[in-house]
Amino acid sequence: EFSVFNPLAFRCRFYTKDGLCGLQMQKGESYIPGIC
C-alpha cells in the first residue's frame, strides 16, 4: 500500500557523499518526505 524510495547500494538515492540529503539541499526541508 506504500511507496518508498528504492535504495541504491542500501542508501537513499539522494544521499550525498558528504552525508547530506541532496533533495533537501536542492528544494528545502519542507520538500523531503514527512518521515525524513
PDB file of all heavy atoms in Angstrom:
ATOM      1  N   GLU A   1       0.814  -1.216   0.000  1.00  0.00           N
ATOM      2  CA  GLU A   1       0.000   0.000   0.000  1.00  0.00           C
ATOM      3  C   GLU A   1       0.847   1.265   0.000  1.00  0.00           C
ATOM      4  O   GLU A   1       0.316   2.369  -0.111  1.00  0.00           O
ATOM      5  CB  GLU A   1      -0.916   0.006   1.232  1.00  0.00           C
ATOM      6  CG  GLU A   1      -1.889  -1.177   1.293  1.00  0.00           C
ATOM      7  CD  GLU A   1      -2.723  -1.140   2.547  1.00  0.00           C
ATOM      8  OE1 GLU A   1      -2.597  -0.163   3.321  1.00  0.00           O
ATOM      9  OE2 GLU A   1      -3.503  -2.083   2.774  1.00  0.00           O
ATOM     10  N   PHE A   2       2.166   1.114   0.146  1.00  0.00           N
ATOM     11  CA  PHE A   2       3.018   2.279   0.338  1.00  0.00           C
ATOM     12  C   PHE A   2       4.007   2.449  -0.806  1.00  0.00           C
ATOM     13  O   PHE A   2       4.350   1.505  -1.515  1.00  0.00           O
ATOM     14  CB  PHE A   2       3.785   2.158   1.658  1.00  0.00           C
ATOM     15  CG  PHE A   2       2.900   1.963   2.858  1.00  0.00           C
ATOM     16  CD1 PHE A   2       2.669   0.686   3.357  1.00  0.00           C
ATOM     17  CD2 PHE A   2       2.272   3.038   3.463  1.00  0.00           C
ATOM     18  CE1 PHE A   2       1.845   0.491   4.462  1.00  0.00           C
ATOM     19  CE2 PHE A   2       1.452   2.862   4.558  1.00  0.00           C
ATOM     20  CZ  PHE A   2       1.231   1.586   5.057  1.00  0.00           C
ATOM     21  N   SER A   3       4.476   3.681  -0.950  1.00  0.00           N
ATOM     22  CA  SER A   3       5.562   3.984  -1.868  1.00  0.00           C
ATOM     23  C   SER A   3       6.834   4.231  -1.062  1.00  0.00           C
ATOM     24  O   SER A   3       6.783   4.739   0.060  1.00  0.00           O
ATOM     25  CB  SER A   3       5.235   5.226  -2.707  1.00  0.00           C
ATOM     26  OG  SER A   3       4.131   4.986  -3.566  1.00  0.00           O
ATOM     27  N   VAL A   4       7.963   3.852  -1.640  1.00  0.00           N
ATOM     28  CA  VAL A   4       9.247   4.035  -0.959  1.00  0.00           C
ATOM     29  C   VAL A   4      10.261   4.564  -1.967  1.00  0.00           C
ATOM     30  O   VAL A   4      10.077   4.450  -3.185  1.00  0.00           O
ATOM     31  CB  VAL A   4       9.769   2.718  -0.350  1.00  0.00           C
ATOM     32  CG1 VAL A   4       8.799   2.161   0.677  1.00  0.00           C
ATOM     33  CG2 VAL A   4      10.049   1.674  -1.440  1.00  0.00           C
ATOM     34  N   PHE A   5      11.338   5.140  -1.441  1.00  0.00           N
ATOM     35  CA  PHE A   5      12.496   5.404  -2.272  1.00  0.00           C
ATOM     36  C   PHE A   5      13.306   4.113  -2.314  1.00  0.00           C
ATOM     37  O   PHE A   5      13.822   3.665  -1.293  1.00  0.00           O
ATOM     38  CB  PHE A   5      13.348   6.536  -1.682  1.00  0.00           C
ATOM     39  CG  PHE A   5      12.857   7.914  -2.017  1.00  0.00           C
ATOM     40  CD1 PHE A   5      13.013   8.953  -1.108  1.00  0.00           C
ATOM     41  CD2 PHE A   5      12.265   8.181  -3.232  1.00  0.00           C
ATOM     42  CE1 PHE A   5      12.570  10.225  -1.411  1.00  0.00           C
ATOM     43  CE2 PHE A   5      11.814   9.454  -3.546  1.00  0.00           C
ATOM     44  CZ  PHE A   5      11.966  10.480  -2.631  1.00  0.00           C
ATOM     45  N   ASN A   6      13.363   3.496  -3.476  1.00  0.00           N
ATOM     46  CA  ASN A   6      14.091   2.249  -3.618  1.00  0.00           C
ATOM     47  C   ASN A   6      15.587   2.535  -3.450  1.00  0.00           C
ATOM     48  O   ASN A   6      16.160   3.304  -4.220  1.00  0.00           O
ATOM     49  CB  ASN A   6      13.822   1.634  -4.996  1.00  0.00           C
ATOM     50  CG  ASN A   6      14.142   0.161  -5.031  1.00  0.00           C
ATOM     51  OD1 ASN A   6      14.112  -0.501  -4.010  1.00  0.00           O
ATOM     52  ND2 ASN A   6      14.452  -0.337  -6.215  1.00  0.00           N
ATOM     53  N   PRO A   7      16.240   1.948  -2.444  1.00  0.00           N
ATOM     54  CA  PRO A   7      17.639   2.302  -2.166  1.00  0.00           C
ATOM     55  C   PRO A   7      18.587   1.794  -3.242  1.00  0.00           C
ATOM     56  O   PRO A   7      18.313   0.821  -3.944  1.00  0.00           O
ATOM     57  CB  PRO A   7      17.903   1.615  -0.831  1.00  0.00           C
ATOM     58  CG  PRO A   7      16.949   0.474  -0.780  1.00  0.00           C
ATOM     59  CD  PRO A   7      15.724   0.949  -1.493  1.00  0.00           C
ATOM     60  N   LEU A   8      19.712   2.451  -3.365  1.00  0.00           N
ATOM     61  CA  LEU A   8      20.776   2.052  -4.262  1.00  0.00           C
ATOM     62  C   LEU A   8      21.983   1.729  -3.398  1.00  0.00           C
ATOM     63  O   LEU A   8      22.501   2.595  -2.696  1.00  0.00           O
ATOM     64  CB  LEU A   8      21.109   3.182  -5.243  1.00  0.00           C
ATOM     65  CG  LEU A   8      22.184   2.889  -6.285  1.00  0.00           C
ATOM     66  CD1 LEU A   8      21.724   1.774  -7.225  1.00  0.00           C
ATOM     67  CD2 LEU A   8      22.506   4.153  -7.079  1.00  0.00           C
ATOM     68  N   ALA A   9      22.417   0.465  -3.404  1.00  0.00           N
ATOM     69  CA  ALA A   9      23.509   0.009  -2.534  1.00  0.00           C
ATOM     70  C   ALA A   9      23.177   0.312  -1.072  1.00  0.00           C
ATOM     71  O   ALA A   9      24.022   0.768  -0.316  1.00  0.00           O
ATOM     72  CB  ALA A   9      24.828   0.662  -2.932  1.00  0.00           C
ATOM     73  N   PHE A  10      21.914   0.058  -0.710  1.00  0.00           N
ATOM     74  CA  PHE A  10      21.429   0.210   0.661  1.00  0.00           C
ATOM     75  C   PHE A  10      21.426   1.663   1.140  1.00  0.00           C
ATOM     76  O   PHE A  10      21.390   1.927   2.334  1.00  0.00           O
ATOM     77  CB  PHE A  10      22.243  -0.651   1.640  1.00  0.00           C
ATOM     78  CG  PHE A  10      22.111  -2.118   1.368  1.00  0.00           C
ATOM     79  CD1 PHE A  10      23.082  -2.785   0.639  1.00  0.00           C
ATOM     80  CD2 PHE A  10      21.016  -2.830   1.821  1.00  0.00           C
ATOM     81  CE1 PHE A  10      22.961  -4.134   0.370  1.00  0.00           C
ATOM     82  CE2 PHE A  10      20.880  -4.185   1.551  1.00  0.00           C
ATOM     83  CZ  PHE A  10      21.862  -4.846   0.822  1.00  0.00           C
ATOM     84  N   ARG A  11      21.473   2.593   0.213  1.00  0.00           N
ATOM     85  CA  ARG A  11      21.411   4.009   0.580  1.00  0.00           C
ATOM     86  C   ARG A  11      20.314   4.692  -0.228  1.00  0.00           C
ATOM     87  O   ARG A  11      20.041   4.319  -1.371  1.00  0.00           O
ATOM     88  CB  ARG A  11      22.751   4.713   0.292  1.00  0.00           C
ATOM     89  CG  ARG A  11      23.904   4.223   1.133  1.00  0.00           C
ATOM     90  CD  ARG A  11      25.129   5.074   0.915  1.00  0.00           C
ATOM     91  NE  ARG A  11      26.231   4.649   1.769  1.00  0.00           N
ATOM     92  CZ  ARG A  11      27.356   5.340   1.945  1.00  0.00           C
ATOM     93  NH1 ARG A  11      27.516   6.481   1.309  1.00  0.00           N
ATOM     94  NH2 ARG A  11      28.291   4.893   2.741  1.00  0.00           N
ATOM     95  N   CYS A  12      19.716   5.708   0.385  1.00  0.00           N
ATOM     96  CA  CYS A  12      18.754   6.521  -0.344  1.00  0.00           C
ATOM     97  C   CYS A  12      19.453   7.124  -1.558  1.00  0.00           C
ATOM     98  O   CYS A  12      20.623   7.547  -1.484  1.00  0.00           O
ATOM     99  CB  CYS A  12      18.215   7.634   0.565  1.00  0.00           C
ATOM    100  SG  CYS A  12      17.104   8.783  -0.283  1.00  0.00           S
ATOM    101  N   ARG A  13      18.743   7.159  -2.677  1.00  0.00           N
ATOM    102  CA  ARG A  13      19.334   7.658  -3.916  1.00  0.00           C
ATOM    103  C   ARG A  13      19.697   9.138  -3.853  1.00  0.00           C
ATOM    104  O   ARG A  13      20.407   9.658  -4.726  1.00  0.00           O
ATOM    105  CB  ARG A  13      18.380   7.405  -5.081  1.00  0.00           C
ATOM    106  CG  ARG A  13      18.239   5.917  -5.416  1.00  0.00           C
ATOM    107  CD  ARG A  13      17.116   5.651  -6.376  1.00  0.00           C
ATOM    108  NE  ARG A  13      16.987   4.231  -6.642  1.00  0.00           N
ATOM    109  CZ  ARG A  13      17.502   3.608  -7.704  1.00  0.00           C
ATOM    110  NH1 ARG A  13      18.180   4.317  -8.596  1.00  0.00           N
ATOM    111  NH2 ARG A  13      17.350   2.313  -7.865  1.00  0.00           N
ATOM    112  N   PHE A  14      19.200   9.830  -2.826  1.00  0.00           N
ATOM    113  CA  PHE A  14      19.503  11.266  -2.700  1.00  0.00           C
ATOM    114  C   PHE A  14      20.557  11.527  -1.622  1.00  0.00           C
ATOM    115  O   PHE A  14      20.832  12.675  -1.293  1.00  0.00           O
ATOM    116  CB  PHE A  14      18.215  12.042  -2.400  1.00  0.00           C
ATOM    117  CG  PHE A  14      17.218  11.953  -3.518  1.00  0.00           C
ATOM    118  CD1 PHE A  14      16.194  11.018  -3.489  1.00  0.00           C
ATOM    119  CD2 PHE A  14      17.317  12.783  -4.621  1.00  0.00           C
ATOM    120  CE1 PHE A  14      15.280  10.914  -4.524  1.00  0.00           C
ATOM    121  CE2 PHE A  14      16.415  12.691  -5.671  1.00  0.00           C
ATOM    122  CZ  PHE A  14      15.393  11.754  -5.627  1.00  0.00           C
ATOM    123  N   TYR A  15      21.140  10.470  -1.088  1.00  0.00           N
ATOM    124  CA  TYR A  15      22.190  10.582  -0.073  1.00  0.00           C
ATOM    125  C   TYR A  15      23.502  10.968  -0.756  1.00  0.00           C
ATOM    126  O   TYR A  15      23.962  10.298  -1.675  1.00  0.00           O
ATOM    127  CB  TYR A  15      22.337   9.244   0.642  1.00  0.00           C
ATOM    128  CG  TYR A  15      23.303   9.229   1.802  1.00  0.00           C
ATOM    129  CD1 TYR A  15      23.059   9.950   2.963  1.00  0.00           C
ATOM    130  CD2 TYR A  15      24.458   8.445   1.760  1.00  0.00           C
ATOM    131  CE1 TYR A  15      23.923   9.911   4.038  1.00  0.00           C
ATOM    132  CE2 TYR A  15      25.333   8.393   2.825  1.00  0.00           C
ATOM    133  CZ  TYR A  15      25.063   9.129   3.957  1.00  0.00           C
ATOM    134  OH  TYR A  15      25.930   9.085   5.021  1.00  0.00           O
ATOM    135  N   THR A  16      24.113  12.071  -0.330  1.00  0.00           N
ATOM    136  CA  THR A  16      25.326  12.567  -0.986  1.00  0.00           C
ATOM    137  C   THR A  16      26.588  12.027  -0.323  1.00  0.00           C
ATOM    138  O   THR A  16      26.552  11.471   0.776  1.00  0.00           O
ATOM    139  CB  THR A  16      25.368  14.103  -0.942  1.00  0.00           C
ATOM    140  OG1 THR A  16      25.591  14.538   0.419  1.00  0.00           O
ATOM    141  CG2 THR A  16      24.071  14.712  -1.454  1.00  0.00           C
ATOM    142  N   LYS A  17      27.705  12.226  -0.980  1.00  0.00           N
ATOM    143  CA  LYS A  17      28.996  11.794  -0.434  1.00  0.00           C
ATOM    144  C   LYS A  17      29.339  12.526   0.860  1.00  0.00           C
ATOM    145  O   LYS A  17      30.136  12.043   1.675  1.00  0.00           O
ATOM    146  CB  LYS A  17      30.102  12.026  -1.466  1.00  0.00           C
ATOM    147  CG  LYS A  17      29.974  11.152  -2.712  1.00  0.00           C
ATOM    148  CD  LYS A  17      31.107  11.439  -3.691  1.00  0.00           C
ATOM    149  CE  LYS A  17      30.981  10.557  -4.930  1.00  0.00           C
ATOM    150  NZ  LYS A  17      32.080  10.818  -5.916  1.00  0.00           N
ATOM    151  N   ASP A  18      28.763  13.695   1.051  1.00  0.00           N
ATOM    152  CA  ASP A  18      29.008  14.473   2.270  1.00  0.00           C
ATOM    153  C   ASP A  18      28.106  14.045   3.423  1.00  0.00           C
ATOM    154  O   ASP A  18      28.130  14.664   4.491  1.00  0.00           O
ATOM    155  CB  ASP A  18      28.804  15.969   1.992  1.00  0.00           C
ATOM    156  CG  ASP A  18      29.787  16.503   0.966  1.00  0.00           C
ATOM    157  OD1 ASP A  18      30.944  16.025   0.966  1.00  0.00           O
ATOM    158  OD2 ASP A  18      29.403  17.373   0.173  1.00  0.00           O
ATOM    159  N   GLY A  19      27.285  13.022   3.183  1.00  0.00           N
ATOM    160  CA  GLY A  19      26.399  12.547   4.241  1.00  0.00           C
ATOM    161  C   GLY A  19      25.166  13.422   4.412  1.00  0.00           C
ATOM    162  O   GLY A  19      24.555  13.434   5.483  1.00  0.00           O
ATOM    163  N   LEU A  20      24.810  14.141   3.372  1.00  0.00           N
ATOM    164  CA  LEU A  20      23.656  15.041   3.438  1.00  0.00           C
ATOM    165  C   LEU A  20      22.576  14.587   2.457  1.00  0.00           C
ATOM    166  O   LEU A  20      22.794  13.703   1.627  1.00  0.00           O
ATOM    167  CB  LEU A  20      24.089  16.471   3.117  1.00  0.00           C
ATOM    168  CG  LEU A  20      25.161  17.060   4.036  1.00  0.00           C
ATOM    169  CD1 LEU A  20      25.640  18.401   3.490  1.00  0.00           C
ATOM    170  CD2 LEU A  20      24.638  17.219   5.455  1.00  0.00           C
ATOM    171  N   CYS A  21      21.397  15.187   2.577  1.00  0.00           N
ATOM    172  CA  CYS A  21      20.286  14.868   1.690  1.00  0.00           C
ATOM    173  C   CYS A  21      20.317  15.807   0.489  1.00  0.00           C
ATOM    174  O   CYS A  21      20.099  17.019   0.637  1.00  0.00           O
ATOM    175  CB  CYS A  21      18.962  14.993   2.434  1.00  0.00           C
ATOM    176  SG  CYS A  21      17.504  14.793   1.385  1.00  0.00           S
ATOM    177  N   GLY A  22      20.565  15.239  -0.686  1.00  0.00           N
ATOM    178  CA  GLY A  22      20.611  16.061  -1.888  1.00  0.00           C
ATOM    179  C   GLY A  22      19.278  16.688  -2.210  1.00  0.00           C
ATOM    180  O   GLY A  22      19.209  17.808  -2.739  1.00  0.00           O
ATOM    181  N   LEU A  23      18.201  15.992  -1.898  1.00  0.00           N
ATOM    182  CA  LEU A  23      16.862  16.521  -2.158  1.00  0.00           C
ATOM    183  C   LEU A  23      16.583  17.740  -1.288  1.00  0.00           C
ATOM    184  O   LEU A  23      16.053  18.758  -1.753  1.00  0.00           O
ATOM    185  CB  LEU A  23      15.824  15.433  -1.903  1.00  0.00           C
ATOM    186  CG  LEU A  23      14.400  15.685  -2.391  1.00  0.00           C
ATOM    187  CD1 LEU A  23      14.383  15.915  -3.890  1.00  0.00           C
ATOM    188  CD2 LEU A  23      13.499  14.509  -2.022  1.00  0.00           C
ATOM    189  N   GLN A  24      16.979  17.667  -0.026  1.00  0.00           N
ATOM    190  CA  GLN A  24      16.786  18.800   0.878  1.00  0.00           C
ATOM    191  C   GLN A  24      17.681  19.972   0.484  1.00  0.00           C
ATOM    192  O   GLN A  24      17.266  21.138   0.540  1.00  0.00           O
ATOM    193  CB  GLN A  24      17.077  18.385   2.325  1.00  0.00           C
ATOM    194  CG  GLN A  24      16.895  19.523   3.320  1.00  0.00           C
ATOM    195  CD  GLN A  24      17.060  19.061   4.760  1.00  0.00           C
ATOM    196  OE1 GLN A  24      17.027  17.877   5.051  1.00  0.00           O
ATOM    197  NE2 GLN A  24      17.238  20.005   5.664  1.00  0.00           N
ATOM    198  N   MET A  25      18.906  19.673   0.067  1.00  0.00           N
ATOM    199  CA  MET A  25      19.825  20.738  -0.336  1.00  0.00           C
ATOM    200  C   MET A  25      19.288  21.492  -1.547  1.00  0.00           C
ATOM    201  O   MET A  25      19.466  22.704  -1.665  1.00  0.00           O
ATOM    202  CB  MET A  25      21.208  20.138  -0.651  1.00  0.00           C
ATOM    203  CG  MET A  25      21.929  19.565   0.560  1.00  0.00           C
ATOM    204  SD  MET A  25      23.399  18.619   0.104  1.00  0.00           S
ATOM    205  CE  MET A  25      24.435  19.891  -0.599  1.00  0.00           C
ATOM    206  N   GLN A  26      18.589  20.791  -2.436  1.00  0.00           N
ATOM    207  CA  GLN A  26      18.099  21.407  -3.674  1.00  0.00           C
ATOM    208  C   GLN A  26      16.755  22.103  -3.493  1.00  0.00           C
ATOM    209  O   GLN A  26      16.520  23.179  -4.067  1.00  0.00           O
ATOM    210  CB  GLN A  26      17.989  20.334  -4.758  1.00  0.00           C
ATOM    211  CG  GLN A  26      17.610  20.886  -6.129  1.00  0.00           C
ATOM    212  CD  GLN A  26      17.711  19.829  -7.209  1.00  0.00           C
ATOM    213  OE1 GLN A  26      18.251  18.746  -7.000  1.00  0.00           O
ATOM    214  NE2 GLN A  26      17.188  20.141  -8.397  1.00  0.00           N
ATOM    215  N   LYS A  27      15.871  21.506  -2.649  1.00  0.00           N
ATOM    216  CA  LYS A  27      14.490  22.003  -2.575  1.00  0.00           C
ATOM    217  C   LYS A  27      14.063  22.465  -1.175  1.00  0.00           C
ATOM    218  O   LYS A  27      12.972  23.005  -1.025  1.00  0.00           O
ATOM    219  CB  LYS A  27      13.526  20.919  -3.056  1.00  0.00           C
ATOM    220  CG  LYS A  27      13.757  20.462  -4.491  1.00  0.00           C
ATOM    221  CD  LYS A  27      13.321  21.502  -5.502  1.00  0.00           C
ATOM    222  CE  LYS A  27      11.819  21.565  -5.614  1.00  0.00           C
ATOM    223  NZ  LYS A  27      11.357  22.435  -6.703  1.00  0.00           N
ATOM    224  N   GLY A  28      14.865  22.216  -0.152  1.00  0.00           N
ATOM    225  CA  GLY A  28      14.495  22.641   1.191  1.00  0.00           C
ATOM    226  C   GLY A  28      13.880  21.514   2.020  1.00  0.00           C
ATOM    227  O   GLY A  28      13.391  20.510   1.485  1.00  0.00           O
ATOM    228  N   GLU A  29      13.873  21.694   3.326  1.00  0.00           N
ATOM    229  CA  GLU A  29      13.407  20.645   4.227  1.00  0.00           C
ATOM    230  C   GLU A  29      11.936  20.302   4.014  1.00  0.00           C
ATOM    231  O   GLU A  29      11.529  19.144   4.139  1.00  0.00           O
ATOM    232  CB  GLU A  29      13.623  21.069   5.689  1.00  0.00           C
ATOM    233  CG  GLU A  29      13.212  19.998   6.693  1.00  0.00           C
ATOM    234  CD  GLU A  29      13.456  20.429   8.129  1.00  0.00           C
ATOM    235  OE1 GLU A  29      14.035  21.515   8.348  1.00  0.00           O
ATOM    236  OE2 GLU A  29      13.058  19.677   9.048  1.00  0.00           O
ATOM    237  N   SER A  30      11.115  21.288   3.688  1.00  0.00           N
ATOM    238  CA  SER A  30       9.679  21.040   3.542  1.00  0.00           C
ATOM    239  C   SER A  30       9.363  20.127   2.362  1.00  0.00           C
ATOM    240  O   SER A  30       8.246  19.619   2.256  1.00  0.00           O
ATOM    241  CB  SER A  30       8.934  22.366   3.379  1.00  0.00           C
ATOM    242  OG  SER A  30       9.350  23.030   2.185  1.00  0.00           O
ATOM    243  N   TYR A  31      10.351  19.901   1.482  1.00  0.00           N
ATOM    244  CA  TYR A  31      10.108  19.122   0.270  1.00  0.00           C
ATOM    245  C   TYR A  31      10.354  17.625   0.483  1.00  0.00           C
ATOM    246  O   TYR A  31       9.822  16.796  -0.251  1.00  0.00           O
ATOM    247  CB  TYR A  31      11.008  19.640  -0.856  1.00  0.00           C
ATOM    248  CG  TYR A  31      10.628  19.136  -2.233  1.00  0.00           C
ATOM    249  CD1 TYR A  31       9.592  19.737  -2.946  1.00  0.00           C
ATOM    250  CD2 TYR A  31      11.312  18.081  -2.819  1.00  0.00           C
ATOM    251  CE1 TYR A  31       9.242  19.284  -4.218  1.00  0.00           C
ATOM    252  CE2 TYR A  31      10.969  17.614  -4.089  1.00  0.00           C
ATOM    253  CZ  TYR A  31       9.933  18.223  -4.776  1.00  0.00           C
ATOM    254  OH  TYR A  31       9.588  17.777  -6.032  1.00  0.00           O
ATOM    255  N   ILE A  32      11.151  17.268   1.458  1.00  0.00           N
ATOM    256  CA  ILE A  32      11.504  15.859   1.656  1.00  0.00           C
ATOM    257  C   ILE A  32      10.336  15.111   2.305  1.00  0.00           C
ATOM    258  O   ILE A  32       9.423  15.737   2.853  1.00  0.00           O
ATOM    259  CB  ILE A  32      12.789  15.715   2.516  1.00  0.00           C
ATOM    260  CG1 ILE A  32      12.587  16.307   3.915  1.00  0.00           C
ATOM    261  CG2 ILE A  32      13.959  16.387   1.819  1.00  0.00           C
ATOM    262  CD1 ILE A  32      13.807  16.156   4.820  1.00  0.00           C
ATOM    263  N   PRO A  33      10.316  13.772   2.221  1.00  0.00           N
ATOM    264  CA  PRO A  33       9.202  13.014   2.804  1.00  0.00           C
ATOM    265  C   PRO A  33       8.984  13.324   4.281  1.00  0.00           C
ATOM    266  O   PRO A  33       9.925  13.660   5.008  1.00  0.00           O
ATOM    267  CB  PRO A  33       9.638  11.553   2.603  1.00  0.00           C
ATOM    268  CG  PRO A  33      10.547  11.591   1.419  1.00  0.00           C
ATOM    269  CD  PRO A  33      11.280  12.894   1.528  1.00  0.00           C
ATOM    270  N   GLY A  34       7.723  13.186   4.716  1.00  0.00           N
ATOM    271  CA  GLY A  34       7.387  13.501   6.104  1.00  0.00           C
ATOM    272  C   GLY A  34       8.197  12.716   7.103  1.00  0.00           C
ATOM    273  O   GLY A  34       8.621  13.254   8.136  1.00  0.00           O
ATOM    274  N   ILE A  35       8.467  11.437   6.829  1.00  0.00           N
ATOM    275  CA  ILE A  35       9.225  10.619   7.768  1.00  0.00           C
ATOM    276  C   ILE A  35      10.635  11.160   7.931  1.00  0.00           C
ATOM    277  O   ILE A  35      11.215  11.099   9.024  1.00  0.00           O
ATOM    278  CB  ILE A  35       9.253   9.132   7.311  1.00  0.00           C
ATOM    279  CG1 ILE A  35       9.881   8.237   8.384  1.00  0.00           C
ATOM    280  CG2 ILE A  35       9.975   8.982   5.987  1.00  0.00           C
ATOM    281  CD1 ILE A  35       9.112   8.147   9.658  1.00  0.00           C
ATOM    282  N   CYS A  36      11.205  11.701   6.865  1.00  0.00           N
ATOM    283  CA  CYS A  36      12.555  12.267   6.936  1.00  0.00           C
ATOM    284  C   CYS A  36      12.567  13.550   7.760  1.00  0.00           C
ATOM    285  O   CYS A  36      13.546  13.842   8.452  1.00  0.00           O
ATOM    286  CB  CYS A  36      13.093  12.541   5.537  1.00  0.00           C
ATOM    287  SG  CYS A  36      13.226  11.063   4.500  1.00  0.00           S
TER     288      CYS A  36
END
